[in-house]
Amino acid sequence: MANKLSEEECYEVEKKRVNLYRNILEPIIMEMMIVFIFTEALDLSFGGFAPIFWLVLAFGWVLIIICMEVTMIRAFLESKK
């Protein structure tokens, strides 16, 4: 038979996965913000993209992290019922 995980165990597994994704995405976001600041200050384009592109891309990744965190809060509250 398959090993069934309880809701709390499923939550812990999901929590570890979300933490891994967040730990991978945070440095990428910081690098994009740094690229934005330097390209905007020097009035350059890097990688063929305007500086505002790097800012919008970084905020897009921040939005993904926020959505993951909200999902984890919801899963935590549901596991406590």
N, C-alpha and C. Protein backbone atom coordinates (compact mmCIF):
# COMPACT_ATOMS: atom_id res chain seq x y z
N MET A 1 0.83 -1.18 0.00
CA MET A 1 0.00 0.00 0.00
C MET A 1 0.87 1.24 0.00
N ALA A 2 0.31 2.29 -0.55
CA ALA A 2 1.03 3.56 -0.59
C ALA A 2 1.04 4.19 0.80
N ASN A 3 2.12 4.85 1.10
CA ASN A 3 2.25 5.50 2.40
C ASN A 3 1.49 6.82 2.37
N LYS A 4 0.43 6.93 3.14
CA LYS A 4 -0.39 8.14 3.18
C LYS A 4 0.21 9.10 4.20
N LEU A 5 0.34 10.36 3.81
CA LEU A 5 0.84 11.38 4.70
C LEU A 5 -0.34 12.12 5.34
N SER A 6 -0.18 12.49 6.58
CA SER A 6 -1.21 13.27 7.24
C SER A 6 -1.17 14.69 6.68
N GLU A 7 -2.18 15.48 7.02
CA GLU A 7 -2.24 16.85 6.53
C GLU A 7 -1.05 17.67 7.04
N GLU A 8 -0.66 17.43 8.29
CA GLU A 8 0.48 18.17 8.84
C GLU A 8 1.78 17.80 8.15
N GLU A 9 1.94 16.53 7.82
CA GLU A 9 3.14 16.10 7.11
C GLU A 9 3.17 16.67 5.70
N CYS A 10 2.01 16.69 5.04
CA CYS A 10 1.92 17.28 3.70
C CYS A 10 2.27 18.76 3.76
N TYR A 11 1.79 19.44 4.81
CA TYR A 11 2.09 20.87 4.98
C TYR A 11 3.59 21.08 5.15
N GLU A 12 4.24 20.25 5.95
CA GLU A 12 5.67 20.40 6.19
C GLU A 12 6.47 20.17 4.90
N VAL A 13 6.05 19.18 4.10
CA VAL A 13 6.73 18.93 2.83
C VAL A 13 6.57 20.12 1.91
N GLU A 14 5.36 20.65 1.83
CA GLU A 14 5.10 21.81 0.99
C GLU A 14 5.86 23.04 1.48
N LYS A 15 5.96 23.19 2.79
CA LYS A 15 6.68 24.32 3.38
C LYS A 15 8.16 24.28 3.00
N LYS A 16 8.76 23.10 3.03
CA LYS A 16 10.17 22.96 2.66
C LYS A 16 10.38 23.30 1.18
N ARG A 17 9.44 22.88 0.33
CA ARG A 17 9.54 23.14 -1.09
C ARG A 17 9.42 24.64 -1.38
N VAL A 18 8.48 25.31 -0.73
CA VAL A 18 8.30 26.75 -0.93
C VAL A 18 9.52 27.51 -0.41
N ASN A 19 10.08 27.09 0.71
CA ASN A 19 11.30 27.74 1.23
C ASN A 19 12.46 27.59 0.26
N LEU A 20 12.57 26.42 -0.38
CA LEU A 20 13.62 26.21 -1.36
C LEU A 20 13.44 27.16 -2.54
N TYR A 21 12.22 27.26 -3.07
CA TYR A 21 11.94 28.17 -4.19
C TYR A 21 12.25 29.61 -3.81
N ARG A 22 11.83 30.01 -2.60
CA ARG A 22 12.07 31.38 -2.17
C ARG A 22 13.57 31.66 -2.04
N ASN A 23 14.32 30.70 -1.50
CA ASN A 23 15.75 30.88 -1.35
C ASN A 23 16.47 30.94 -2.70
N ILE A 24 15.90 30.33 -3.72
CA ILE A 24 16.47 30.41 -5.07
C ILE A 24 16.09 31.73 -5.73
N LEU A 25 14.86 32.18 -5.54
CA LEU A 25 14.39 33.37 -6.24
C LEU A 25 14.89 34.68 -5.64
N GLU A 26 15.09 34.75 -4.34
CA GLU A 26 15.49 36.01 -3.71
C GLU A 26 16.81 36.56 -4.27
N PRO A 27 17.86 35.76 -4.43
CA PRO A 27 19.09 36.33 -5.02
C PRO A 27 18.90 36.78 -6.47
N ILE A 28 18.08 36.06 -7.21
CA ILE A 28 17.81 36.44 -8.60
C ILE A 28 17.12 37.80 -8.64
N ILE A 29 16.17 38.01 -7.74
CA ILE A 29 15.46 39.29 -7.69
C ILE A 29 16.43 40.41 -7.34
N MET A 30 17.29 40.17 -6.37
CA MET A 30 18.27 41.20 -5.99
C MET A 30 19.20 41.54 -7.15
N GLU A 31 19.62 40.54 -7.90
CA GLU A 31 20.48 40.78 -9.05
C GLU A 31 19.76 41.61 -10.10
N MET A 32 18.49 41.32 -10.33
CA MET A 32 17.72 42.09 -11.30
C MET A 32 17.56 43.54 -10.85
N MET A 33 17.37 43.74 -9.55
CA MET A 33 17.25 45.10 -9.03
C MET A 33 18.57 45.86 -9.18
N ILE A 34 19.69 45.19 -8.95
CA ILE A 34 20.99 45.82 -9.12
C ILE A 34 21.23 46.18 -10.58
N VAL A 35 20.88 45.26 -11.49
CA VAL A 35 21.01 45.54 -12.92
C VAL A 35 20.14 46.75 -13.28
N PHE A 36 18.92 46.81 -12.73
CA PHE A 36 18.05 47.96 -13.01
C PHE A 36 18.69 49.25 -12.54
N ILE A 37 19.21 49.27 -11.32
CA ILE A 37 19.79 50.50 -10.77
C ILE A 37 20.98 50.97 -11.60
N PHE A 38 21.87 50.05 -11.95
CA PHE A 38 23.04 50.45 -12.73
C PHE A 38 22.68 50.87 -14.15
N THR A 39 21.81 50.13 -14.80
CA THR A 39 21.45 50.49 -16.17
C THR A 39 20.67 51.80 -16.21
N GLU A 40 19.84 52.04 -15.19
CA GLU A 40 19.10 53.29 -15.14
C GLU A 40 20.03 54.46 -14.85
N ALA A 41 20.98 54.27 -13.94
CA ALA A 41 21.90 55.35 -13.58
C ALA A 41 22.83 55.70 -14.74
N LEU A 42 23.25 54.69 -15.49
CA LEU A 42 24.17 54.92 -16.60
C LEU A 42 23.46 55.11 -17.94
N ASP A 43 22.14 55.03 -17.94
CA ASP A 43 21.32 55.17 -19.14
C ASP A 43 21.77 54.20 -20.24
N LEU A 44 21.87 52.93 -19.86
CA LEU A 44 22.29 51.86 -20.77
C LEU A 44 21.15 50.87 -20.96
N SER A 45 21.34 49.99 -21.91
CA SER A 45 20.46 48.83 -21.98
C SER A 45 21.36 47.60 -21.87
N PHE A 46 20.92 46.65 -21.08
CA PHE A 46 21.73 45.45 -20.81
C PHE A 46 20.96 44.25 -21.33
N GLY A 47 21.59 43.44 -22.13
CA GLY A 47 20.93 42.27 -22.69
C GLY A 47 19.88 42.66 -23.72
N GLY A 48 19.97 43.87 -24.24
CA GLY A 48 19.01 44.33 -25.23
C GLY A 48 17.70 44.81 -24.64
N PHE A 49 17.63 44.92 -23.30
CA PHE A 49 16.40 45.33 -22.64
C PHE A 49 16.58 46.69 -21.98
N ALA A 50 15.53 47.48 -22.01
CA ALA A 50 15.54 48.78 -21.34
C ALA A 50 15.60 48.55 -19.83
N PRO A 51 16.08 49.53 -19.09
CA PRO A 51 16.18 49.36 -17.63
C PRO A 51 14.86 49.04 -16.94
N ILE A 52 13.78 49.62 -17.42
CA ILE A 52 12.48 49.38 -16.77
C ILE A 52 12.07 47.92 -16.88
N PHE A 53 12.54 47.24 -17.92
CA PHE A 53 12.23 45.82 -18.07
C PHE A 53 12.75 45.02 -16.88
N TRP A 54 13.96 45.34 -16.42
CA TRP A 54 14.55 44.61 -15.29
C TRP A 54 13.76 44.86 -14.02
N LEU A 55 13.25 46.08 -13.84
CA LEU A 55 12.44 46.38 -12.67
C LEU A 55 11.11 45.62 -12.71
N VAL A 56 10.46 45.63 -13.85
CA VAL A 56 9.18 44.92 -13.99
C VAL A 56 9.37 43.41 -13.81
N LEU A 57 10.44 42.89 -14.36
CA LEU A 57 10.73 41.46 -14.21
C LEU A 57 10.98 41.10 -12.75
N ALA A 58 11.72 41.93 -12.04
CA ALA A 58 11.98 41.68 -10.61
C ALA A 58 10.68 41.72 -9.82
N PHE A 59 9.81 42.71 -10.09
CA PHE A 59 8.55 42.79 -9.37
C PHE A 59 7.63 41.61 -9.71
N GLY A 60 7.75 41.08 -10.92
CA GLY A 60 6.99 39.88 -11.28
C GLY A 60 7.40 38.69 -10.42
N TRP A 61 8.70 38.53 -10.21
CA TRP A 61 9.19 37.44 -9.35
C TRP A 61 8.79 37.67 -7.90
N VAL A 62 8.78 38.93 -7.45
CA VAL A 62 8.34 39.24 -6.09
C VAL A 62 6.87 38.85 -5.94
N LEU A 63 6.07 39.12 -6.96
CA LEU A 63 4.66 38.74 -6.91
C LEU A 63 4.49 37.23 -6.80
N ILE A 64 5.34 36.47 -7.46
CA ILE A 64 5.28 35.01 -7.36
C ILE A 64 5.60 34.57 -5.93
N ILE A 65 6.61 35.17 -5.31
CA ILE A 65 6.95 34.83 -3.93
C ILE A 65 5.79 35.18 -3.00
N ILE A 66 5.16 36.33 -3.20
CA ILE A 66 4.03 36.72 -2.37
C ILE A 66 2.89 35.72 -2.51
N CYS A 67 2.61 35.29 -3.72
CA CYS A 67 1.54 34.31 -3.93
C CYS A 67 1.86 32.99 -3.25
N MET A 68 3.12 32.56 -3.30
CA MET A 68 3.50 31.32 -2.62
C MET A 68 3.32 31.46 -1.11
N GLU A 69 3.69 32.60 -0.56
CA GLU A 69 3.55 32.81 0.89
C GLU A 69 2.09 32.84 1.30
N VAL A 70 1.24 33.48 0.53
CA VAL A 70 -0.19 33.52 0.84
C VAL A 70 -0.78 32.12 0.78
N THR A 71 -0.34 31.34 -0.20
CA THR A 71 -0.81 29.96 -0.30
C THR A 71 -0.38 29.15 0.91
N MET A 72 0.84 29.38 1.40
CA MET A 72 1.30 28.65 2.58
C MET A 72 0.54 29.08 3.83
N ILE A 73 0.19 30.36 3.94
CA ILE A 73 -0.61 30.80 5.08
C ILE A 73 -1.96 30.12 5.05
N ARG A 74 -2.54 30.06 3.87
CA ARG A 74 -3.85 29.39 3.73
C ARG A 74 -3.74 27.91 4.09
N ALA A 75 -2.71 27.24 3.62
CA ALA A 75 -2.54 25.83 3.92
C ALA A 75 -2.31 25.62 5.41
N PHE A 76 -1.58 26.52 6.06
CA PHE A 76 -1.34 26.43 7.50
C PHE A 76 -2.66 26.56 8.25
N LEU A 77 -3.46 27.54 7.87
CA LEU A 77 -4.74 27.73 8.57
C LEU A 77 -5.69 26.56 8.35
N GLU A 78 -5.67 25.98 7.16
CA GLU A 78 -6.51 24.82 6.89
C GLU A 78 -6.03 23.59 7.64
N SER A 79 -4.72 23.47 7.85
CA SER A 79 -4.20 22.29 8.56
C SER A 79 -4.51 22.36 10.06
N LYS A 80 -4.79 23.55 10.58
CA LYS A 80 -5.08 23.71 12.00
C LYS A 80 -6.55 23.49 12.33
N LYS A 81 -7.39 23.31 11.33
CA LYS A 81 -8.81 23.09 11.59
C LYS A 81 -9.06 21.72 12.14
